[in-house]
Amino acid sequence: MEGILNYKQIAHLIGTSKKKTPAKLFLRGDLKEKDFSGSKFQFFGNGRFWVLIGDFEPIDKWLKKNEKKVSSFHWEINARNSAL
């Protein structure tokens, strides 16, 4: 059967792939859409409530850079260093 991976191929794929930490950040703050320009994650919202979805690292960097504009936030992490 073509297209089915054996255990060695699966282990290699997991071992060599770039690991990601899928995350959602729910936040409240004084933000505008332009505050997210150039971001490497998805963002939804308007006014004072926003949801950021993507890999933890770029979202966390963005949060640290914009912390003065954020009044409160909540992280939702689905996995850590996941290759899948």
C-alpha atoms as a PDB file:
ATOM      1  CA  MET A   1       0.000   0.000   0.000  1.00  0.00           C
ATOM      2  CA  GLU A   2       1.373   3.320  -1.016  1.00  0.00           C
ATOM      3  CA  GLY A   3       0.925   6.369   1.188  1.00  0.00           C
ATOM      4  CA  ILE A   4       1.053   4.512   4.495  1.00  0.00           C
ATOM      5  CA  LEU A   5       4.071   5.272   6.671  1.00  0.00           C
ATOM      6  CA  ASN A   6       5.837   2.612   8.701  1.00  0.00           C
ATOM      7  CA  TYR A   7       6.977   3.221  12.279  1.00  0.00           C
ATOM      8  CA  LYS A   8      10.509   4.222  11.210  1.00  0.00           C
ATOM      9  CA  GLN A   9       9.200   6.837   8.783  1.00  0.00           C
ATOM     10  CA  ILE A  10       6.831   8.211  11.415  1.00  0.00           C
ATOM     11  CA  ALA A  11       9.622   8.395  14.025  1.00  0.00           C
ATOM     12  CA  HIS A  12      11.890  10.173  11.524  1.00  0.00           C
ATOM     13  CA  LEU A  13       9.137  12.628  10.595  1.00  0.00           C
ATOM     14  CA  ILE A  14       8.457  13.481  14.243  1.00  0.00           C
ATOM     15  CA  GLY A  15      12.149  13.643  15.137  1.00  0.00           C
ATOM     16  CA  THR A  16      13.146  15.997  12.328  1.00  0.00           C
ATOM     17  CA  SER A  17      10.119  18.267  12.096  1.00  0.00           C
ATOM     18  CA  LYS A  18      10.064  21.774  13.569  1.00  0.00           C
ATOM     19  CA  LYS A  19       8.301  21.610  16.906  1.00  0.00           C
ATOM     20  CA  LYS A  20       5.478  24.049  17.636  1.00  0.00           C
ATOM     21  CA  THR A  21       3.369  24.902  20.638  1.00  0.00           C
ATOM     22  CA  PRO A  22      -0.163  25.640  19.378  1.00  0.00           C
ATOM     23  CA  ALA A  23      -1.648  28.450  21.445  1.00  0.00           C
ATOM     24  CA  LYS A  24      -4.533  30.874  21.768  1.00  0.00           C
ATOM     25  CA  LEU A  25      -4.242  34.155  23.615  1.00  0.00           C
ATOM     26  CA  PHE A  26      -7.423  35.922  24.683  1.00  0.00           C
ATOM     27  CA  LEU A  27      -6.714  39.509  25.584  1.00  0.00           C
ATOM     28  CA  ARG A  28      -8.255  42.795  26.547  1.00  0.00           C
ATOM     29  CA  GLY A  29      -6.517  46.057  25.876  1.00  0.00           C
ATOM     30  CA  ASP A  30      -6.242  49.285  23.960  1.00  0.00           C
ATOM     31  CA  LEU A  31      -5.323  47.774  20.572  1.00  0.00           C
ATOM     32  CA  LYS A  32      -5.969  48.473  16.925  1.00  0.00           C
ATOM     33  CA  GLU A  33      -5.585  46.179  13.918  1.00  0.00           C
ATOM     34  CA  LYS A  34      -2.363  48.008  12.966  1.00  0.00           C
ATOM     35  CA  ASP A  35      -0.793  46.747  16.233  1.00  0.00           C
ATOM     36  CA  PHE A  36      -0.753  43.283  14.642  1.00  0.00           C
ATOM     37  CA  SER A  37       0.878  44.240  11.323  1.00  0.00           C
ATOM     38  CA  GLY A  38       3.650  41.845  10.330  1.00  0.00           C
ATOM     39  CA  SER A  39       2.547  39.270  12.895  1.00  0.00           C
ATOM     40  CA  LYS A  40       3.190  35.572  12.292  1.00  0.00           C
ATOM     41  CA  PHE A  41      -0.125  34.432  13.767  1.00  0.00           C
ATOM     42  CA  GLN A  42      -3.837  34.902  13.162  1.00  0.00           C
ATOM     43  CA  PHE A  43      -5.732  37.563  15.077  1.00  0.00           C
ATOM     44  CA  PHE A  44      -9.428  38.268  15.450  1.00  0.00           C
ATOM     45  CA  GLY A  45     -11.354  40.950  17.257  1.00  0.00           C
ATOM     46  CA  ASN A  46     -11.893  44.674  17.488  1.00  0.00           C
ATOM     47  CA  GLY A  47     -12.094  47.328  20.091  1.00  0.00           C
ATOM     48  CA  ARG A  48     -10.875  46.051  23.433  1.00  0.00           C
ATOM     49  CA  PHE A  49     -11.157  42.246  22.934  1.00  0.00           C
ATOM     50  CA  TRP A  50      -8.849  40.158  20.725  1.00  0.00           C
ATOM     51  CA  VAL A  51      -7.971  36.495  20.149  1.00  0.00           C
ATOM     52  CA  LEU A  52      -4.534  35.532  18.809  1.00  0.00           C
ATOM     53  CA  ILE A  53      -4.018  32.031  17.379  1.00  0.00           C
ATOM     54  CA  GLY A  54      -0.774  30.410  16.302  1.00  0.00           C
ATOM     55  CA  ASP A  55       2.552  29.189  17.617  1.00  0.00           C
ATOM     56  CA  PHE A  56       3.339  30.239  21.208  1.00  0.00           C
ATOM     57  CA  GLU A  57       6.736  31.795  20.470  1.00  0.00           C
ATOM     58  CA  PRO A  58       5.706  34.605  18.069  1.00  0.00           C
ATOM     59  CA  ILE A  59       2.571  35.372  20.097  1.00  0.00           C
ATOM     60  CA  ASP A  60       4.603  35.577  23.316  1.00  0.00           C
ATOM     61  CA  LYS A  61       7.150  37.896  21.648  1.00  0.00           C
ATOM     62  CA  TRP A  62       4.303  40.117  20.436  1.00  0.00           C
ATOM     63  CA  LEU A  63       2.751  40.159  23.942  1.00  0.00           C
ATOM     64  CA  LYS A  64       6.023  41.204  25.587  1.00  0.00           C
ATOM     65  CA  LYS A  65       6.489  43.965  23.002  1.00  0.00           C
ATOM     66  CA  ASN A  66       2.929  45.282  23.507  1.00  0.00           C
ATOM     67  CA  GLU A  67       2.390  44.603  27.224  1.00  0.00           C
ATOM     68  CA  LYS A  68       1.682  48.260  28.040  1.00  0.00           C
ATOM     69  CA  LYS A  69      -1.369  48.193  25.747  1.00  0.00           C
ATOM     70  CA  VAL A  70      -2.770  44.975  27.281  1.00  0.00           C
ATOM     71  CA  SER A  71      -4.848  45.151  30.470  1.00  0.00           C
ATOM     72  CA  SER A  72      -5.537  41.412  30.912  1.00  0.00           C
ATOM     73  CA  PHE A  73      -4.987  38.138  29.077  1.00  0.00           C
ATOM     74  CA  HIS A  74      -5.485  34.378  29.247  1.00  0.00           C
ATOM     75  CA  TRP A  75      -3.390  31.697  27.493  1.00  0.00           C
ATOM     76  CA  GLU A  76      -4.793  28.429  26.144  1.00  0.00           C
ATOM     77  CA  ILE A  77      -2.016  25.965  25.266  1.00  0.00           C
ATOM     78  CA  ASN A  78      -3.068  22.786  23.434  1.00  0.00           C
ATOM     79  CA  ALA A  79       0.295  20.959  23.360  1.00  0.00           C
ATOM     80  CA  ARG A  80       3.973  21.679  23.983  1.00  0.00           C
ATOM     81  CA  ASN A  81       6.682  21.227  21.362  1.00  0.00           C
ATOM     82  CA  SER A  82       4.370  19.218  19.134  1.00  0.00           C
ATOM     83  CA  ALA A  83       5.554  17.846  15.818  1.00  0.00           C
ATOM     84  CA  LEU A  84       2.057  16.820  14.777  1.00  0.00           C
END
